[in-house]
Amino acid sequence: MNRRTLLKCCAGLAVVACNNSMAVGAVNYSREIYEEALASGEPFLLDFTASW
């Protein structure tokens, strides 16, 4: 992998990480929703953030 490819990959990952449109279908956490997602057997992602 050359330097240019590495920089393009890093730039692409930065854009994806900052893109809020990836949060389509995101819901606020609750124990009930977590239990439903766990019982469904489908993969899911928990994303935690803090304002500080």
PDB file of N, CA and C in Angstrom:
ATOM      1  N   MET A   1       0.859  -1.166   0.000  1.00  0.00           N
ATOM      2  CA  MET A   1       0.000   0.000   0.000  1.00  0.00           C
ATOM      3  C   MET A   1       0.909   1.234   0.000  1.00  0.00           C
ATOM      4  N   ASN A   2       0.655   2.112  -0.919  1.00  0.00           N
ATOM      5  CA  ASN A   2       1.467   3.331  -0.954  1.00  0.00           C
ATOM      6  C   ASN A   2       0.817   4.438  -0.117  1.00  0.00           C
ATOM      7  N   ARG A   3       1.528   5.521   0.032  1.00  0.00           N
ATOM      8  CA  ARG A   3       1.086   6.623   0.882  1.00  0.00           C
ATOM      9  C   ARG A   3      -0.219   7.238   0.397  1.00  0.00           C
ATOM     10  N   ARG A   4      -0.369   7.369  -0.912  1.00  0.00           N
ATOM     11  CA  ARG A   4      -1.578   7.984  -1.467  1.00  0.00           C
ATOM     12  C   ARG A   4      -2.813   7.141  -1.160  1.00  0.00           C
ATOM     13  N   THR A   5      -2.691   5.842  -1.303  1.00  0.00           N
ATOM     14  CA  THR A   5      -3.812   4.945  -1.007  1.00  0.00           C
ATOM     15  C   THR A   5      -4.164   5.012   0.475  1.00  0.00           C
ATOM     16  N   LEU A   6      -3.151   5.025   1.324  1.00  0.00           N
ATOM     17  CA  LEU A   6      -3.391   5.110   2.757  1.00  0.00           C
ATOM     18  C   LEU A   6      -4.111   6.413   3.112  1.00  0.00           C
ATOM     19  N   LEU A   7      -3.687   7.531   2.533  1.00  0.00           N
ATOM     20  CA  LEU A   7      -4.334   8.810   2.815  1.00  0.00           C
ATOM     21  C   LEU A   7      -5.774   8.834   2.326  1.00  0.00           C
ATOM     22  N   LYS A   8      -6.027   8.246   1.152  1.00  0.00           N
ATOM     23  CA  LYS A   8      -7.405   8.199   0.645  1.00  0.00           C
ATOM     24  C   LYS A   8      -8.288   7.364   1.558  1.00  0.00           C
ATOM     25  N   CYS A   9      -7.768   6.247   2.032  1.00  0.00           N
ATOM     26  CA  CYS A   9      -8.546   5.393   2.936  1.00  0.00           C
ATOM     27  C   CYS A   9      -8.845   6.107   4.246  1.00  0.00           C
ATOM     28  N   CYS A  10      -7.846   6.785   4.798  1.00  0.00           N
ATOM     29  CA  CYS A  10      -8.047   7.522   6.053  1.00  0.00           C
ATOM     30  C   CYS A  10      -9.057   8.654   5.876  1.00  0.00           C
ATOM     31  N   ALA A  11      -8.971   9.355   4.756  1.00  0.00           N
ATOM     32  CA  ALA A  11      -9.915  10.440   4.496  1.00  0.00           C
ATOM     33  C   ALA A  11     -11.331   9.887   4.338  1.00  0.00           C
ATOM     34  N   GLY A  12     -11.460   8.775   3.657  1.00  0.00           N
ATOM     35  CA  GLY A  12     -12.774   8.151   3.494  1.00  0.00           C
ATOM     36  C   GLY A  12     -13.359   7.703   4.816  1.00  0.00           C
ATOM     37  N   LEU A  13     -12.527   7.115   5.667  1.00  0.00           N
ATOM     38  CA  LEU A  13     -13.010   6.692   6.978  1.00  0.00           C
ATOM     39  C   LEU A  13     -13.416   7.878   7.842  1.00  0.00           C
ATOM     40  N   ALA A  14     -12.694   8.976   7.739  1.00  0.00           N
ATOM     41  CA  ALA A  14     -13.048  10.171   8.498  1.00  0.00           C
ATOM     42  C   ALA A  14     -14.400  10.721   8.059  1.00  0.00           C
ATOM     43  N   VAL A  15     -14.652  10.714   6.770  1.00  0.00           N
ATOM     44  CA  VAL A  15     -15.941  11.199   6.258  1.00  0.00           C
ATOM     45  C   VAL A  15     -17.065  10.303   6.739  1.00  0.00           C
ATOM     46  N   VAL A  16     -16.860   9.009   6.675  1.00  0.00           N
ATOM     47  CA  VAL A  16     -17.894   8.072   7.114  1.00  0.00           C
ATOM     48  C   VAL A  16     -18.142   8.207   8.605  1.00  0.00           C
ATOM     49  N   ALA A  17     -17.078   8.375   9.387  1.00  0.00           N
ATOM     50  CA  ALA A  17     -17.232   8.495  10.837  1.00  0.00           C
ATOM     51  C   ALA A  17     -17.991   9.760  11.230  1.00  0.00           C
ATOM     52  N   CYS A  18     -17.848  10.822  10.460  1.00  0.00           N
ATOM     53  CA  CYS A  18     -18.502  12.090  10.782  1.00  0.00           C
ATOM     54  C   CYS A  18     -19.883  12.227  10.154  1.00  0.00           C
ATOM     55  N   ASN A  19     -20.262  11.292   9.323  1.00  0.00           N
ATOM     56  CA  ASN A  19     -21.517  11.381   8.593  1.00  0.00           C
ATOM     57  C   ASN A  19     -22.664  10.900   9.466  1.00  0.00           C
ATOM     58  N   ASN A  20     -23.593  11.786   9.786  1.00  0.00           N
ATOM     59  CA  ASN A  20     -24.729  11.412  10.623  1.00  0.00           C
ATOM     60  C   ASN A  20     -25.798  10.640   9.872  1.00  0.00           C
ATOM     61  N   SER A  21     -25.714  10.596   8.543  1.00  0.00           N
ATOM     62  CA  SER A  21     -26.735   9.872   7.789  1.00  0.00           C
ATOM     63  C   SER A  21     -26.617   8.374   7.979  1.00  0.00           C
ATOM     64  N   MET A  22     -25.525   7.908   8.567  1.00  0.00           N
ATOM     65  CA  MET A  22     -25.393   6.487   8.858  1.00  0.00           C
ATOM     66  C   MET A  22     -26.332   6.079   9.984  1.00  0.00           C
ATOM     67  N   ALA A  23     -26.849   7.031  10.724  1.00  0.00           N
ATOM     68  CA  ALA A  23     -27.702   6.747  11.865  1.00  0.00           C
ATOM     69  C   ALA A  23     -29.157   6.564  11.462  1.00  0.00           C
ATOM     70  N   VAL A  24     -29.404   6.215  10.221  1.00  0.00           N
ATOM     71  CA  VAL A  24     -30.765   5.973   9.758  1.00  0.00           C
ATOM     72  C   VAL A  24     -31.334   4.804  10.553  1.00  0.00           C
ATOM     73  N   GLY A  25     -32.487   4.997  11.113  1.00  0.00           N
ATOM     74  CA  GLY A  25     -33.109   3.941  11.905  1.00  0.00           C
ATOM     75  C   GLY A  25     -32.612   3.914  13.339  1.00  0.00           C
ATOM     76  N   ALA A  26     -31.814   4.887  13.740  1.00  0.00           N
ATOM     77  CA  ALA A  26     -31.311   4.920  15.101  1.00  0.00           C
ATOM     78  C   ALA A  26     -32.447   5.259  16.064  1.00  0.00           C
ATOM     79  N   VAL A  27     -32.430   4.627  17.201  1.00  0.00           N
ATOM     80  CA  VAL A  27     -33.427   4.876  18.248  1.00  0.00           C
ATOM     81  C   VAL A  27     -32.704   5.109  19.560  1.00  0.00           C
ATOM     82  N   ASN A  28     -33.347   5.808  20.452  1.00  0.00           N
ATOM     83  CA  ASN A  28     -32.782   6.001  21.780  1.00  0.00           C
ATOM     84  C   ASN A  28     -32.818   4.683  22.543  1.00  0.00           C
ATOM     85  N   TYR A  29     -31.786   4.463  23.354  1.00  0.00           N
ATOM     86  CA  TYR A  29     -31.657   3.205  24.086  1.00  0.00           C
ATOM     87  C   TYR A  29     -32.725   3.070  25.153  1.00  0.00           C
ATOM     88  N   SER A  30     -33.277   1.895  25.218  1.00  0.00           N
ATOM     89  CA  SER A  30     -34.094   1.484  26.352  1.00  0.00           C
ATOM     90  C   SER A  30     -33.882  -0.020  26.509  1.00  0.00           C
ATOM     91  N   ARG A  31     -34.068  -0.503  27.686  1.00  0.00           N
ATOM     92  CA  ARG A  31     -33.843  -1.927  27.947  1.00  0.00           C
ATOM     93  C   ARG A  31     -34.771  -2.785  27.097  1.00  0.00           C
ATOM     94  N   GLU A  32     -36.006  -2.344  26.895  1.00  0.00           N
ATOM     95  CA  GLU A  32     -36.969  -3.111  26.110  1.00  0.00           C
ATOM     96  C   GLU A  32     -36.528  -3.231  24.647  1.00  0.00           C
ATOM     97  N   ILE A  33     -36.065  -2.119  24.076  1.00  0.00           N
ATOM     98  CA  ILE A  33     -35.609  -2.137  22.683  1.00  0.00           C
ATOM     99  C   ILE A  33     -34.378  -3.027  22.543  1.00  0.00           C
ATOM    100  N   TYR A  34     -33.488  -2.959  23.534  1.00  0.00           N
ATOM    101  CA  TYR A  34     -32.303  -3.821  23.523  1.00  0.00           C
ATOM    102  C   TYR A  34     -32.701  -5.295  23.549  1.00  0.00           C
ATOM    103  N   GLU A  35     -33.636  -5.637  24.415  1.00  0.00           N
ATOM    104  CA  GLU A  35     -34.095  -7.027  24.508  1.00  0.00           C
ATOM    105  C   GLU A  35     -34.738  -7.494  23.200  1.00  0.00           C
ATOM    106  N   GLU A  36     -35.512  -6.625  22.545  1.00  0.00           N
ATOM    107  CA  GLU A  36     -36.123  -6.972  21.257  1.00  0.00           C
ATOM    108  C   GLU A  36     -35.060  -7.224  20.196  1.00  0.00           C
ATOM    109  N   ALA A  37     -34.063  -6.352  20.146  1.00  0.00           N
ATOM    110  CA  ALA A  37     -32.986  -6.512  19.166  1.00  0.00           C
ATOM    111  C   ALA A  37     -32.201  -7.785  19.430  1.00  0.00           C
ATOM    112  N   LEU A  38     -31.953  -8.092  20.678  1.00  0.00           N
ATOM    113  CA  LEU A  38     -31.224  -9.292  21.044  1.00  0.00           C
ATOM    114  C   LEU A  38     -32.014 -10.544  20.674  1.00  0.00           C
ATOM    115  N   ALA A  39     -33.316 -10.518  20.922  1.00  0.00           N
ATOM    116  CA  ALA A  39     -34.165 -11.672  20.627  1.00  0.00           C
ATOM    117  C   ALA A  39     -34.362 -11.880  19.129  1.00  0.00           C
ATOM    118  N   SER A  40     -34.217 -10.824  18.332  1.00  0.00           N
ATOM    119  CA  SER A  40     -34.455 -10.954  16.893  1.00  0.00           C
ATOM    120  C   SER A  40     -33.389 -11.807  16.206  1.00  0.00           C
ATOM    121  N   GLY A  41     -32.200 -11.883  16.778  1.00  0.00           N
ATOM    122  CA  GLY A  41     -31.134 -12.653  16.165  1.00  0.00           C
ATOM    123  C   GLY A  41     -30.406 -11.908  15.059  1.00  0.00           C
ATOM    124  N   GLU A  42     -30.866 -10.722  14.723  1.00  0.00           N
ATOM    125  CA  GLU A  42     -30.224  -9.896  13.703  1.00  0.00           C
ATOM    126  C   GLU A  42     -29.061  -9.120  14.330  1.00  0.00           C
ATOM    127  N   PRO A  43     -28.030  -8.849  13.547  1.00  0.00           N
ATOM    128  CA  PRO A  43     -26.941  -8.034  14.094  1.00  0.00           C
ATOM    129  C   PRO A  43     -27.399  -6.600  14.347  1.00  0.00           C
ATOM    130  N   PHE A  44     -26.890  -5.990  15.403  1.00  0.00           N
ATOM    131  CA  PHE A  44     -27.212  -4.602  15.702  1.00  0.00           C
ATOM    132  C   PHE A  44     -26.000  -3.950  16.342  1.00  0.00           C
ATOM    133  N   LEU A  45     -26.028  -2.633  16.395  1.00  0.00           N
ATOM    134  CA  LEU A  45     -24.900  -1.860  16.895  1.00  0.00           C
ATOM    135  C   LEU A  45     -25.379  -0.911  17.977  1.00  0.00           C
ATOM    136  N   LEU A  46     -24.695  -0.932  19.103  1.00  0.00           N
ATOM    137  CA  LEU A  46     -24.950   0.047  20.156  1.00  0.00           C
ATOM    138  C   LEU A  46     -23.899   1.133  20.043  1.00  0.00           C
ATOM    139  N   ASP A  47     -24.336   2.374  19.943  1.00  0.00           N
ATOM    140  CA  ASP A  47     -23.424   3.499  19.799  1.00  0.00           C
ATOM    141  C   ASP A  47     -23.634   4.440  20.962  1.00  0.00           C
ATOM    142  N   PHE A  48     -22.593   4.643  21.752  1.00  0.00           N
ATOM    143  CA  PHE A  48     -22.679   5.512  22.906  1.00  0.00           C
ATOM    144  C   PHE A  48     -21.884   6.774  22.667  1.00  0.00           C
ATOM    145  N   THR A  49     -22.453   7.906  23.032  1.00  0.00           N
ATOM    146  CA  THR A  49     -21.762   9.178  22.898  1.00  0.00           C
ATOM    147  C   THR A  49     -21.895   9.965  24.202  1.00  0.00           C
ATOM    148  N   ALA A  50     -21.045  10.950  24.351  1.00  0.00           N
ATOM    149  CA  ALA A  50     -21.110  11.849  25.506  1.00  0.00           C
ATOM    150  C   ALA A  50     -20.860  13.267  25.016  1.00  0.00           C
ATOM    151  N   SER A  51     -21.517  14.215  25.629  1.00  0.00           N
ATOM    152  CA  SER A  51     -21.364  15.592  25.193  1.00  0.00           C
ATOM    153  C   SER A  51     -20.124  16.260  25.772  1.00  0.00           C
ATOM    154  N   TRP A  52     -19.432  15.632  26.675  1.00  0.00           N
ATOM    155  CA  TRP A  52     -18.258  16.239  27.272  1.00  0.00           C
ATOM    156  C   TRP A  52     -17.066  15.828  26.520  1.00  0.00           C
TER     157      TRP A  52
END
